[in-house]
Amino acid sequence: MDELDFSAIGSRIRKQREFLGYTRDYLAEQLSVSTNFCRDIEIGAKGMSIQTLVKLSKILKLSVDYILLGKTADNGDEPLLVMLNSCRPDKRKYAEDILKSFLLAVE
């Protein structure tokens, strides 16, 4: 197995955190870690425990494979689709409606 690219891992985490509108302080609180530790993860200076990785995956609604390796599911799902699929079925319709409205507005 190749070495993990901690810088790329951190970049994927930061990008998704910002996409979801979470501050670094909020993410640190959810993970029960310091804000400085979150920063270190995002810049690739430190790795994390498996427990933190699993929590991060749930909070950011990303697969562990995507966080670690940048790989989407075998079916080619992109992170946005993974997030939509992680919504409860009764709430997914709202997310789809918002996305449709956005796409119609930017045409």
PDB file of N, CA and C in Angstrom:
ATOM      1  N   MET A   1       0.841  -1.183   0.000  1.00  0.00           N
ATOM      2  CA  MET A   1       0.000   0.000   0.000  1.00  0.00           C
ATOM      3  C   MET A   1       0.883   1.242   0.000  1.00  0.00           C
ATOM      4  N   ASP A   2       0.489   2.230  -0.750  1.00  0.00           N
ATOM      5  CA  ASP A   2       1.210   3.496  -0.787  1.00  0.00           C
ATOM      6  C   ASP A   2       1.015   4.251   0.523  1.00  0.00           C
ATOM      7  N   GLU A   3       1.910   5.205   0.769  1.00  0.00           N
ATOM      8  CA  GLU A   3       1.791   6.067   1.944  1.00  0.00           C
ATOM      9  C   GLU A   3       0.541   6.938   1.811  1.00  0.00           C
ATOM     10  N   LEU A   4      -0.078   7.234   2.941  1.00  0.00           N
ATOM     11  CA  LEU A   4      -1.215   8.150   2.930  1.00  0.00           C
ATOM     12  C   LEU A   4      -0.717   9.570   2.715  1.00  0.00           C
ATOM     13  N   ASP A   5      -1.435  10.327   1.927  1.00  0.00           N
ATOM     14  CA  ASP A   5      -1.103  11.721   1.665  1.00  0.00           C
ATOM     15  C   ASP A   5      -1.909  12.583   2.634  1.00  0.00           C
ATOM     16  N   PHE A   6      -1.307  12.905   3.792  1.00  0.00           N
ATOM     17  CA  PHE A   6      -2.024  13.635   4.826  1.00  0.00           C
ATOM     18  C   PHE A   6      -2.456  15.028   4.376  1.00  0.00           C
ATOM     19  N   SER A   7      -1.697  15.627   3.496  1.00  0.00           N
ATOM     20  CA  SER A   7      -2.069  16.932   2.966  1.00  0.00           C
ATOM     21  C   SER A   7      -3.356  16.840   2.142  1.00  0.00           C
ATOM     22  N   ALA A   8      -3.451  15.819   1.298  1.00  0.00           N
ATOM     23  CA  ALA A   8      -4.655  15.616   0.482  1.00  0.00           C
ATOM     24  C   ALA A   8      -5.848  15.255   1.362  1.00  0.00           C
ATOM     25  N   ILE A   9      -5.604  14.431   2.388  1.00  0.00           N
ATOM     26  CA  ILE A   9      -6.673  14.070   3.326  1.00  0.00           C
ATOM     27  C   ILE A   9      -7.206  15.341   3.985  1.00  0.00           C
ATOM     28  N   GLY A  10      -6.302  16.166   4.482  1.00  0.00           N
ATOM     29  CA  GLY A  10      -6.705  17.408   5.130  1.00  0.00           C
ATOM     30  C   GLY A  10      -7.452  18.338   4.201  1.00  0.00           C
ATOM     31  N   SER A  11      -7.023  18.378   2.964  1.00  0.00           N
ATOM     32  CA  SER A  11      -7.685  19.227   1.978  1.00  0.00           C
ATOM     33  C   SER A  11      -9.122  18.768   1.729  1.00  0.00           C
ATOM     34  N   ARG A  12      -9.330  17.461   1.633  1.00  0.00           N
ATOM     35  CA  ARG A  12     -10.689  16.934   1.433  1.00  0.00           C
ATOM     36  C   ARG A  12     -11.566  17.243   2.647  1.00  0.00           C
ATOM     37  N   ILE A  13     -10.996  17.122   3.833  1.00  0.00           N
ATOM     38  CA  ILE A  13     -11.744  17.415   5.057  1.00  0.00           C
ATOM     39  C   ILE A  13     -12.116  18.892   5.114  1.00  0.00           C
ATOM     40  N   ARG A  14     -11.136  19.777   4.870  1.00  0.00           N
ATOM     41  CA  ARG A  14     -11.405  21.218   4.903  1.00  0.00           C
ATOM     42  C   ARG A  14     -12.453  21.615   3.869  1.00  0.00           C
ATOM     43  N   LYS A  15     -12.317  21.081   2.673  1.00  0.00           N
ATOM     44  CA  LYS A  15     -13.253  21.418   1.598  1.00  0.00           C
ATOM     45  C   LYS A  15     -14.682  21.042   1.980  1.00  0.00           C
ATOM     46  N   GLN A  16     -14.859  19.857   2.534  1.00  0.00           N
ATOM     47  CA  GLN A  16     -16.201  19.423   2.919  1.00  0.00           C
ATOM     48  C   GLN A  16     -16.716  20.210   4.125  1.00  0.00           C
ATOM     49  N   ARG A  17     -15.840  20.490   5.076  1.00  0.00           N
ATOM     50  CA  ARG A  17     -16.246  21.288   6.243  1.00  0.00           C
ATOM     51  C   ARG A  17     -16.754  22.645   5.787  1.00  0.00           C
ATOM     52  N   GLU A  18     -16.009  23.281   4.899  1.00  0.00           N
ATOM     53  CA  GLU A  18     -16.418  24.589   4.395  1.00  0.00           C
ATOM     54  C   GLU A  18     -17.696  24.484   3.563  1.00  0.00           C
ATOM     55  N   PHE A  19     -17.815  23.424   2.759  1.00  0.00           N
ATOM     56  CA  PHE A  19     -19.019  23.216   1.955  1.00  0.00           C
ATOM     57  C   PHE A  19     -20.258  23.123   2.839  1.00  0.00           C
ATOM     58  N   LEU A  20     -20.133  22.434   3.963  1.00  0.00           N
ATOM     59  CA  LEU A  20     -21.259  22.278   4.885  1.00  0.00           C
ATOM     60  C   LEU A  20     -21.483  23.513   5.755  1.00  0.00           C
ATOM     61  N   GLY A  21     -20.559  24.492   5.680  1.00  0.00           N
ATOM     62  CA  GLY A  21     -20.702  25.714   6.448  1.00  0.00           C
ATOM     63  C   GLY A  21     -20.287  25.572   7.903  1.00  0.00           C
ATOM     64  N   TYR A  22     -19.503  24.554   8.214  1.00  0.00           N
ATOM     65  CA  TYR A  22     -19.039  24.334   9.579  1.00  0.00           C
ATOM     66  C   TYR A  22     -17.753  25.124   9.825  1.00  0.00           C
ATOM     67  N   THR A  23     -17.665  25.716  10.986  1.00  0.00           N
ATOM     68  CA  THR A  23     -16.410  26.352  11.373  1.00  0.00           C
ATOM     69  C   THR A  23     -15.475  25.263  11.904  1.00  0.00           C
ATOM     70  N   ARG A  24     -14.218  25.583  11.966  1.00  0.00           N
ATOM     71  CA  ARG A  24     -13.257  24.644  12.532  1.00  0.00           C
ATOM     72  C   ARG A  24     -13.559  24.416  14.028  1.00  0.00           C
ATOM     73  N   ASP A  25     -13.995  25.468  14.706  1.00  0.00           N
ATOM     74  CA  ASP A  25     -14.368  25.337  16.122  1.00  0.00           C
ATOM     75  C   ASP A  25     -15.531  24.359  16.285  1.00  0.00           C
ATOM     76  N   TYR A  26     -16.526  24.477  15.419  1.00  0.00           N
ATOM     77  CA  TYR A  26     -17.680  23.583  15.495  1.00  0.00           C
ATOM     78  C   TYR A  26     -17.256  22.129  15.263  1.00  0.00           C
ATOM     79  N   LEU A  27     -16.441  21.921  14.243  1.00  0.00           N
ATOM     80  CA  LEU A  27     -15.991  20.561  13.944  1.00  0.00           C
ATOM     81  C   LEU A  27     -15.189  19.992  15.102  1.00  0.00           C
ATOM     82  N   ALA A  28     -14.302  20.796  15.675  1.00  0.00           N
ATOM     83  CA  ALA A  28     -13.499  20.339  16.811  1.00  0.00           C
ATOM     84  C   ALA A  28     -14.398  19.943  17.983  1.00  0.00           C
ATOM     85  N   GLU A  29     -15.414  20.743  18.232  1.00  0.00           N
ATOM     86  CA  GLU A  29     -16.346  20.435  19.325  1.00  0.00           C
ATOM     87  C   GLU A  29     -17.063  19.111  19.066  1.00  0.00           C
ATOM     88  N   GLN A  30     -17.511  18.899  17.835  1.00  0.00           N
ATOM     89  CA  GLN A  30     -18.205  17.661  17.490  1.00  0.00           C
ATOM     90  C   GLN A  30     -17.293  16.445  17.610  1.00  0.00           C
ATOM     91  N   LEU A  31     -16.027  16.634  17.325  1.00  0.00           N
ATOM     92  CA  LEU A  31     -15.056  15.541  17.386  1.00  0.00           C
ATOM     93  C   LEU A  31     -14.448  15.363  18.782  1.00  0.00           C
ATOM     94  N   SER A  32     -14.723  16.297  19.683  1.00  0.00           N
ATOM     95  CA  SER A  32     -14.137  16.297  21.030  1.00  0.00           C
ATOM     96  C   SER A  32     -12.614  16.385  20.972  1.00  0.00           C
ATOM     97  N   VAL A  33     -12.134  17.278  20.094  1.00  0.00           N
ATOM     98  CA  VAL A  33     -10.699  17.550  19.974  1.00  0.00           C
ATOM     99  C   VAL A  33     -10.508  19.059  19.986  1.00  0.00           C
ATOM    100  N   SER A  34      -9.260  19.496  20.056  1.00  0.00           N
ATOM    101  CA  SER A  34      -8.991  20.938  20.045  1.00  0.00           C
ATOM    102  C   SER A  34      -9.086  21.498  18.624  1.00  0.00           C
ATOM    103  N   THR A  35      -9.326  22.785  18.560  1.00  0.00           N
ATOM    104  CA  THR A  35      -9.356  23.466  17.268  1.00  0.00           C
ATOM    105  C   THR A  35      -7.986  23.370  16.595  1.00  0.00           C
ATOM    106  N   ASN A  36      -6.920  23.458  17.381  1.00  0.00           N
ATOM    107  CA  ASN A  36      -5.575  23.339  16.818  1.00  0.00           C
ATOM    108  C   ASN A  36      -5.353  21.959  16.204  1.00  0.00           C
ATOM    109  N   PHE A  37      -5.892  20.918  16.827  1.00  0.00           N
ATOM    110  CA  PHE A  37      -5.748  19.577  16.277  1.00  0.00           C
ATOM    111  C   PHE A  37      -6.485  19.484  14.934  1.00  0.00           C
ATOM    112  N   CYS A  38      -7.682  20.080  14.865  1.00  0.00           N
ATOM    113  CA  CYS A  38      -8.416  20.103  13.581  1.00  0.00           C
ATOM    114  C   CYS A  38      -7.595  20.820  12.513  1.00  0.00           C
ATOM    115  N   ARG A  39      -6.996  21.943  12.890  1.00  0.00           N
ATOM    116  CA  ARG A  39      -6.166  22.675  11.934  1.00  0.00           C
ATOM    117  C   ARG A  39      -5.010  21.803  11.464  1.00  0.00           C
ATOM    118  N   ASP A  40      -4.367  21.118  12.402  1.00  0.00           N
ATOM    119  CA  ASP A  40      -3.240  20.255  12.043  1.00  0.00           C
ATOM    120  C   ASP A  40      -3.662  19.139  11.103  1.00  0.00           C
ATOM    121  N   ILE A  41      -4.848  18.592  11.299  1.00  0.00           N
ATOM    122  CA  ILE A  41      -5.356  17.557  10.389  1.00  0.00           C
ATOM    123  C   ILE A  41      -5.571  18.171   9.006  1.00  0.00           C
ATOM    124  N   GLU A  42      -6.201  19.341   8.969  1.00  0.00           N
ATOM    125  CA  GLU A  42      -6.523  19.980   7.697  1.00  0.00           C
ATOM    126  C   GLU A  42      -5.292  20.405   6.905  1.00  0.00           C
ATOM    127  N   ILE A  43      -4.200  20.725   7.576  1.00  0.00           N
ATOM    128  CA  ILE A  43      -2.990  21.112   6.837  1.00  0.00           C
ATOM    129  C   ILE A  43      -2.076  19.910   6.593  1.00  0.00           C
ATOM    130  N   GLY A  44      -2.491  18.748   7.092  1.00  0.00           N
ATOM    131  CA  GLY A  44      -1.716  17.541   6.849  1.00  0.00           C
ATOM    132  C   GLY A  44      -0.555  17.335   7.796  1.00  0.00           C
ATOM    133  N   ALA A  45      -0.534  18.084   8.890  1.00  0.00           N
ATOM    134  CA  ALA A  45       0.566  17.961   9.848  1.00  0.00           C
ATOM    135  C   ALA A  45       0.399  16.765  10.780  1.00  0.00           C
ATOM    136  N   LYS A  46      -0.843  16.318  10.969  1.00  0.00           N
ATOM    137  CA  LYS A  46      -1.110  15.197  11.878  1.00  0.00           C
ATOM    138  C   LYS A  46      -2.151  14.263  11.266  1.00  0.00           C
ATOM    139  N   GLY A  47      -2.070  13.015  11.712  1.00  0.00           N
ATOM    140  CA  GLY A  47      -3.096  12.037  11.377  1.00  0.00           C
ATOM    141  C   GLY A  47      -4.116  12.004  12.500  1.00  0.00           C
ATOM    142  N   MET A  48      -4.990  11.002  12.472  1.00  0.00           N
ATOM    143  CA  MET A  48      -6.031  10.906  13.495  1.00  0.00           C
ATOM    144  C   MET A  48      -6.285   9.448  13.835  1.00  0.00           C
ATOM    145  N   SER A  49      -6.936   9.225  14.948  1.00  0.00           N
ATOM    146  CA  SER A  49      -7.276   7.866  15.355  1.00  0.00           C
ATOM    147  C   SER A  49      -8.419   7.336  14.491  1.00  0.00           C
ATOM    148  N   ILE A  50      -8.614   6.059  14.542  1.00  0.00           N
ATOM    149  CA  ILE A  50      -9.723   5.446  13.798  1.00  0.00           C
ATOM    150  C   ILE A  50     -11.050   5.978  14.323  1.00  0.00           C
ATOM    151  N   GLN A  51     -11.164   6.134  15.645  1.00  0.00           N
ATOM    152  CA  GLN A  51     -12.417   6.662  16.207  1.00  0.00           C
ATOM    153  C   GLN A  51     -12.711   8.061  15.689  1.00  0.00           C
ATOM    154  N   THR A  52     -11.686   8.907  15.626  1.00  0.00           N
ATOM    155  CA  THR A  52     -11.875  10.258  15.109  1.00  0.00           C
ATOM    156  C   THR A  52     -12.237  10.223  13.634  1.00  0.00           C
ATOM    157  N   LEU A  53     -11.604   9.337  12.882  1.00  0.00           N
ATOM    158  CA  LEU A  53     -11.911   9.203  11.456  1.00  0.00           C
ATOM    159  C   LEU A  53     -13.368   8.801  11.241  1.00  0.00           C
ATOM    160  N   VAL A  54     -13.851   7.850  12.022  1.00  0.00           N
ATOM    161  CA  VAL A  54     -15.248   7.401  11.889  1.00  0.00           C
ATOM    162  C   VAL A  54     -16.207   8.535  12.253  1.00  0.00           C
ATOM    163  N   LYS A  55     -15.925   9.255  13.344  1.00  0.00           N
ATOM    164  CA  LYS A  55     -16.759  10.403  13.722  1.00  0.00           C
ATOM    165  C   LYS A  55     -16.757  11.451  12.614  1.00  0.00           C
ATOM    166  N   LEU A  56     -15.576  11.730  12.083  1.00  0.00           N
ATOM    167  CA  LEU A  56     -15.429  12.716  11.020  1.00  0.00           C
ATOM    168  C   LEU A  56     -16.245  12.323   9.792  1.00  0.00           C
ATOM    169  N   SER A  57     -16.195  11.050   9.449  1.00  0.00           N
ATOM    170  CA  SER A  57     -16.953  10.529   8.318  1.00  0.00           C
ATOM    171  C   SER A  57     -18.451  10.795   8.494  1.00  0.00           C
ATOM    172  N   LYS A  58     -18.948  10.552   9.698  1.00  0.00           N
ATOM    173  CA  LYS A  58     -20.381  10.767   9.966  1.00  0.00           C
ATOM    174  C   LYS A  58     -20.730  12.245   9.962  1.00  0.00           C
ATOM    175  N   ILE A  59     -19.907  13.058  10.601  1.00  0.00           N
ATOM    176  CA  ILE A  59     -20.183  14.496  10.690  1.00  0.00           C
ATOM    177  C   ILE A  59     -20.154  15.148   9.311  1.00  0.00           C
ATOM    178  N   LEU A  60     -19.144  14.796   8.510  1.00  0.00           N
ATOM    179  CA  LEU A  60     -18.990  15.416   7.186  1.00  0.00           C
ATOM    180  C   LEU A  60     -19.775  14.708   6.097  1.00  0.00           C
ATOM    181  N   LYS A  61     -20.403  13.574   6.458  1.00  0.00           N
ATOM    182  CA  LYS A  61     -21.209  12.804   5.504  1.00  0.00           C
ATOM    183  C   LYS A  61     -20.391  12.355   4.293  1.00  0.00           C
ATOM    184  N   LEU A  62     -19.183  11.876   4.584  1.00  0.00           N
ATOM    185  CA  LEU A  62     -18.281  11.359   3.559  1.00  0.00           C
ATOM    186  C   LEU A  62     -17.851   9.954   3.948  1.00  0.00           C
ATOM    187  N   SER A  63     -17.559   9.129   2.967  1.00  0.00           N
ATOM    188  CA  SER A  63     -17.069   7.789   3.272  1.00  0.00           C
ATOM    189  C   SER A  63     -15.621   7.871   3.755  1.00  0.00           C
ATOM    190  N   VAL A  64     -15.236   6.889   4.552  1.00  0.00           N
ATOM    191  CA  VAL A  64     -13.859   6.807   5.023  1.00  0.00           C
ATOM    192  C   VAL A  64     -12.914   6.660   3.830  1.00  0.00           C
ATOM    193  N   ASP A  65     -13.308   5.866   2.825  1.00  0.00           N
ATOM    194  CA  ASP A  65     -12.482   5.714   1.619  1.00  0.00           C
ATOM    195  C   ASP A  65     -12.225   7.059   0.948  1.00  0.00           C
ATOM    196  N   TYR A  66     -13.259   7.879   0.869  1.00  0.00           N
ATOM    197  CA  TYR A  66     -13.074   9.176   0.224  1.00  0.00           C
ATOM    198  C   TYR A  66     -12.149  10.064   1.056  1.00  0.00           C
ATOM    199  N   ILE A  67     -12.339  10.078   2.368  1.00  0.00           N
ATOM    200  CA  ILE A  67     -11.489  10.913   3.215  1.00  0.00           C
ATOM    201  C   ILE A  67     -10.029  10.485   3.085  1.00  0.00           C
ATOM    202  N   LEU A  68      -9.771   9.183   3.206  1.00  0.00           N
ATOM    203  CA  LEU A  68      -8.390   8.694   3.213  1.00  0.00           C
ATOM    204  C   LEU A  68      -7.743   8.659   1.840  1.00  0.00           C
ATOM    205  N   LEU A  69      -8.493   8.200   0.847  1.00  0.00           N
ATOM    206  CA  LEU A  69      -7.889   7.924  -0.453  1.00  0.00           C
ATOM    207  C   LEU A  69      -8.410   8.787  -1.599  1.00  0.00           C
ATOM    208  N   GLY A  70      -9.441   9.562  -1.337  1.00  0.00           N
ATOM    209  CA  GLY A  70     -10.016  10.374  -2.404  1.00  0.00           C
ATOM    210  C   GLY A  70     -10.841   9.561  -3.373  1.00  0.00           C
ATOM    211  N   LYS A  71     -11.122   8.301  -2.990  1.00  0.00           N
ATOM    212  CA  LYS A  71     -11.883   7.418  -3.874  1.00  0.00           C
ATOM    213  C   LYS A  71     -13.348   7.450  -3.499  1.00  0.00           C
ATOM    214  N   THR A  72     -14.172   7.533  -4.528  1.00  0.00           N
ATOM    215  CA  THR A  72     -15.605   7.442  -4.298  1.00  0.00           C
ATOM    216  C   THR A  72     -15.989   5.978  -4.318  1.00  0.00           C
ATOM    217  N   ALA A  73     -17.222   5.710  -4.001  1.00  0.00           N
ATOM    218  CA  ALA A  73     -17.703   4.333  -3.979  1.00  0.00           C
ATOM    219  C   ALA A  73     -17.506   3.687  -5.347  1.00  0.00           C
ATOM    220  N   ASP A  74     -17.490   2.372  -5.369  1.00  0.00           N
ATOM    221  CA  ASP A  74     -17.290   1.651  -6.623  1.00  0.00           C
ATOM    222  C   ASP A  74     -18.292   2.042  -7.695  1.00  0.00           C
ATOM    223  N   ASN A  75     -19.452   2.512  -7.272  1.00  0.00           N
ATOM    224  CA  ASN A  75     -20.449   2.899  -8.264  1.00  0.00           C
ATOM    225  C   ASN A  75     -20.214   4.311  -8.793  1.00  0.00           C
ATOM    226  N   GLY A  76     -19.094   4.931  -8.400  1.00  0.00           N
ATOM    227  CA  GLY A  76     -18.719   6.226  -8.961  1.00  0.00           C
ATOM    228  C   GLY A  76     -19.389   7.423  -8.325  1.00  0.00           C
ATOM    229  N   ASP A  77     -20.066   7.223  -7.195  1.00  0.00           N
ATOM    230  CA  ASP A  77     -20.753   8.335  -6.550  1.00  0.00           C
ATOM    231  C   ASP A  77     -19.776   9.425  -6.140  1.00  0.00           C
ATOM    232  N   GLU A  78     -20.133  10.622  -6.411  1.00  0.00           N
ATOM    233  CA  GLU A  78     -19.379  11.785  -5.980  1.00  0.00           C
ATOM    234  C   GLU A  78     -19.839  12.156  -4.576  1.00  0.00           C
ATOM    235  N   PRO A  79     -19.045  12.979  -3.875  1.00  0.00           N
ATOM    236  CA  PRO A  79     -19.406  13.332  -2.498  1.00  0.00           C
ATOM    237  C   PRO A  79     -20.822  13.894  -2.347  1.00  0.00           C
ATOM    238  N   LEU A  80     -21.289  14.691  -3.306  1.00  0.00           N
ATOM    239  CA  LEU A  80     -22.637  15.245  -3.217  1.00  0.00           C
ATOM    240  C   LEU A  80     -23.680  14.134  -3.217  1.00  0.00           C
ATOM    241  N   LEU A  81     -23.493  13.131  -4.056  1.00  0.00           N
ATOM    242  CA  LEU A  81     -24.431  12.011  -4.075  1.00  0.00           C
ATOM    243  C   LEU A  81     -24.356  11.194  -2.791  1.00  0.00           C
ATOM    244  N   VAL A  82     -23.177  11.037  -2.259  1.00  0.00           N
ATOM    245  CA  VAL A  82     -23.028  10.319  -0.992  1.00  0.00           C
ATOM    246  C   VAL A  82     -23.809  11.052   0.093  1.00  0.00           C
ATOM    247  N   MET A  83     -23.715  12.395   0.115  1.00  0.00           N
ATOM    248  CA  MET A  83     -24.447  13.171   1.116  1.00  0.00           C
ATOM    249  C   MET A  83     -25.949  13.030   0.920  1.00  0.00           C
ATOM    250  N   LEU A  84     -26.416  13.114  -0.329  1.00  0.00           N
ATOM    251  CA  LEU A  84     -27.847  12.958  -0.584  1.00  0.00           C
ATOM    252  C   LEU A  84     -28.329  11.581  -0.134  1.00  0.00           C
ATOM    253  N   ASN A  85     -27.540  10.574  -0.417  1.00  0.00           N
ATOM    254  CA  ASN A  85     -27.928   9.221  -0.034  1.00  0.00           C
ATOM    255  C   ASN A  85     -27.880   9.012   1.467  1.00  0.00           C
ATOM    256  N   SER A  86     -27.134   9.859   2.185  1.00  0.00           N
ATOM    257  CA  SER A  86     -27.070   9.722   3.640  1.00  0.00           C
ATOM    258  C   SER A  86     -28.247  10.399   4.332  1.00  0.00           C
ATOM    259  N   CYS A  87     -29.037  11.172   3.572  1.00  0.00           N
ATOM    260  CA  CYS A  87     -30.221  11.809   4.145  1.00  0.00           C
ATOM    261  C   CYS A  87     -31.282  10.749   4.438  1.00  0.00           C
ATOM    262  N   ARG A  88     -32.046  11.027   5.474  1.00  0.00           N
ATOM    263  CA  ARG A  88     -33.186  10.143   5.729  1.00  0.00           C
ATOM    264  C   ARG A  88     -34.107  10.218   4.531  1.00  0.00           C
ATOM    265  N   PRO A  89     -34.727   9.102   4.158  1.00  0.00           N
ATOM    266  CA  PRO A  89     -35.592   9.100   2.967  1.00  0.00           C
ATOM    267  C   PRO A  89     -36.683  10.163   2.997  1.00  0.00           C
ATOM    268  N   ASP A  90     -37.253  10.442   4.164  1.00  0.00           N
ATOM    269  CA  ASP A  90     -38.318  11.439   4.240  1.00  0.00           C
ATOM    270  C   ASP A  90     -37.795  12.865   4.084  1.00  0.00           C
ATOM    271  N   LYS A  91     -36.478  13.070   4.210  1.00  0.00           N
ATOM    272  CA  LYS A  91     -35.873  14.401   4.049  1.00  0.00           C
ATOM    273  C   LYS A  91     -35.168  14.563   2.707  1.00  0.00           C
ATOM    274  N   ARG A  92     -34.880  13.468   2.031  1.00  0.00           N
ATOM    275  CA  ARG A  92     -34.144  13.515   0.774  1.00  0.00           C
ATOM    276  C   ARG A  92     -34.880  14.341  -0.274  1.00  0.00           C
ATOM    277  N   LYS A  93     -36.187  14.270  -0.285  1.00  0.00           N
ATOM    278  CA  LYS A  93     -36.989  15.016  -1.261  1.00  0.00           C
ATOM    279  C   LYS A  93     -36.710  16.513  -1.137  1.00  0.00           C
ATOM    280  N   TYR A  94     -36.581  17.014   0.084  1.00  0.00           N
ATOM    281  CA  TYR A  94     -36.289  18.441   0.278  1.00  0.00           C
ATOM    282  C   TYR A  94     -34.933  18.802  -0.319  1.00  0.00           C
ATOM    283  N   ALA A  95     -33.944  17.979  -0.070  1.00  0.00           N
ATOM    284  CA  ALA A  95     -32.604  18.231  -0.611  1.00  0.00           C
ATOM    285  C   ALA A  95     -32.637  18.219  -2.139  1.00  0.00           C
ATOM    286  N   GLU A  96     -33.351  17.266  -2.701  1.00  0.00           N
ATOM    287  CA  GLU A  96     -33.452  17.193  -4.164  1.00  0.00           C
ATOM    288  C   GLU A  96     -34.155  18.426  -4.726  1.00  0.00           C
ATOM    289  N   ASP A  97     -35.223  18.881  -4.047  1.00  0.00           N
ATOM    290  CA  ASP A  97     -35.943  20.074  -4.506  1.00  0.00           C
ATOM    291  C   ASP A  97     -35.045  21.311  -4.472  1.00  0.00           C
ATOM    292  N   ILE A  98     -34.255  21.448  -3.418  1.00  0.00           N
ATOM    293  CA  ILE A  98     -33.336  22.582  -3.311  1.00  0.00           C
ATOM    294  C   ILE A  98     -32.312  22.539  -4.438  1.00  0.00           C
ATOM    295  N   LEU A  99     -31.761  21.364  -4.697  1.00  0.00           N
ATOM    296  CA  LEU A  99     -30.775  21.222  -5.762  1.00  0.00           C
ATOM    297  C   LEU A  99     -31.395  21.533  -7.128  1.00  0.00           C
ATOM    298  N   LYS A 100     -32.597  21.059  -7.369  1.00  0.00           N
ATOM    299  CA  LYS A 100     -33.281  21.354  -8.635  1.00  0.00           C
ATOM    300  C   LYS A 100     -33.486  22.859  -8.792  1.00  0.00           C
ATOM    301  N   SER A 101     -33.925  23.519  -7.723  1.00  0.00           N
ATOM    302  CA  SER A 101     -34.133  24.973  -7.768  1.00  0.00           C
ATOM    303  C   SER A 101     -32.831  25.695  -8.082  1.00  0.00           C
ATOM    304  N   PHE A 102     -31.756  25.256  -7.444  1.00  0.00           N
ATOM    305  CA  PHE A 102     -30.446  25.858  -7.706  1.00  0.00           C
ATOM    306  C   PHE A 102     -30.063  25.692  -9.168  1.00  0.00           C
ATOM    307  N   LEU A 103     -30.193  24.489  -9.683  1.00  0.00           N
ATOM    308  CA  LEU A 103     -29.792  24.243 -11.078  1.00  0.00           C
ATOM    309  C   LEU A 103     -30.634  25.048 -12.061  1.00  0.00           C
ATOM    310  N   LEU A 104     -31.911  25.211 -11.771  1.00  0.00           N
ATOM    311  CA  LEU A 104     -32.749  26.009 -12.646  1.00  0.00           C
ATOM    312  C   LEU A 104     -32.355  27.489 -12.571  1.00  0.00           C
ATOM    313  N   ALA A 105     -31.938  27.951 -11.400  1.00  0.00           N
ATOM    314  CA  ALA A 105     -31.568  29.349 -11.230  1.00  0.00           C
ATOM    315  C   ALA A 105     -30.273  29.699 -11.934  1.00  0.00           C
ATOM    316  N   VAL A 106     -29.374  28.746 -12.104  1.00  0.00           N
ATOM    317  CA  VAL A 106     -28.075  29.056 -12.701  1.00  0.00           C
ATOM    318  C   VAL A 106     -28.012  28.733 -14.196  1.00  0.00           C
ATOM    319  N   GLU A 107     -29.108  28.324 -14.766  1.00  0.00           N
ATOM    320  CA  GLU A 107     -29.109  28.025 -16.207  1.00  0.00           C
ATOM    321  C   GLU A 107     -28.956  29.264 -17.054  1.00  0.00           C
TER     322      GLU A 107
END
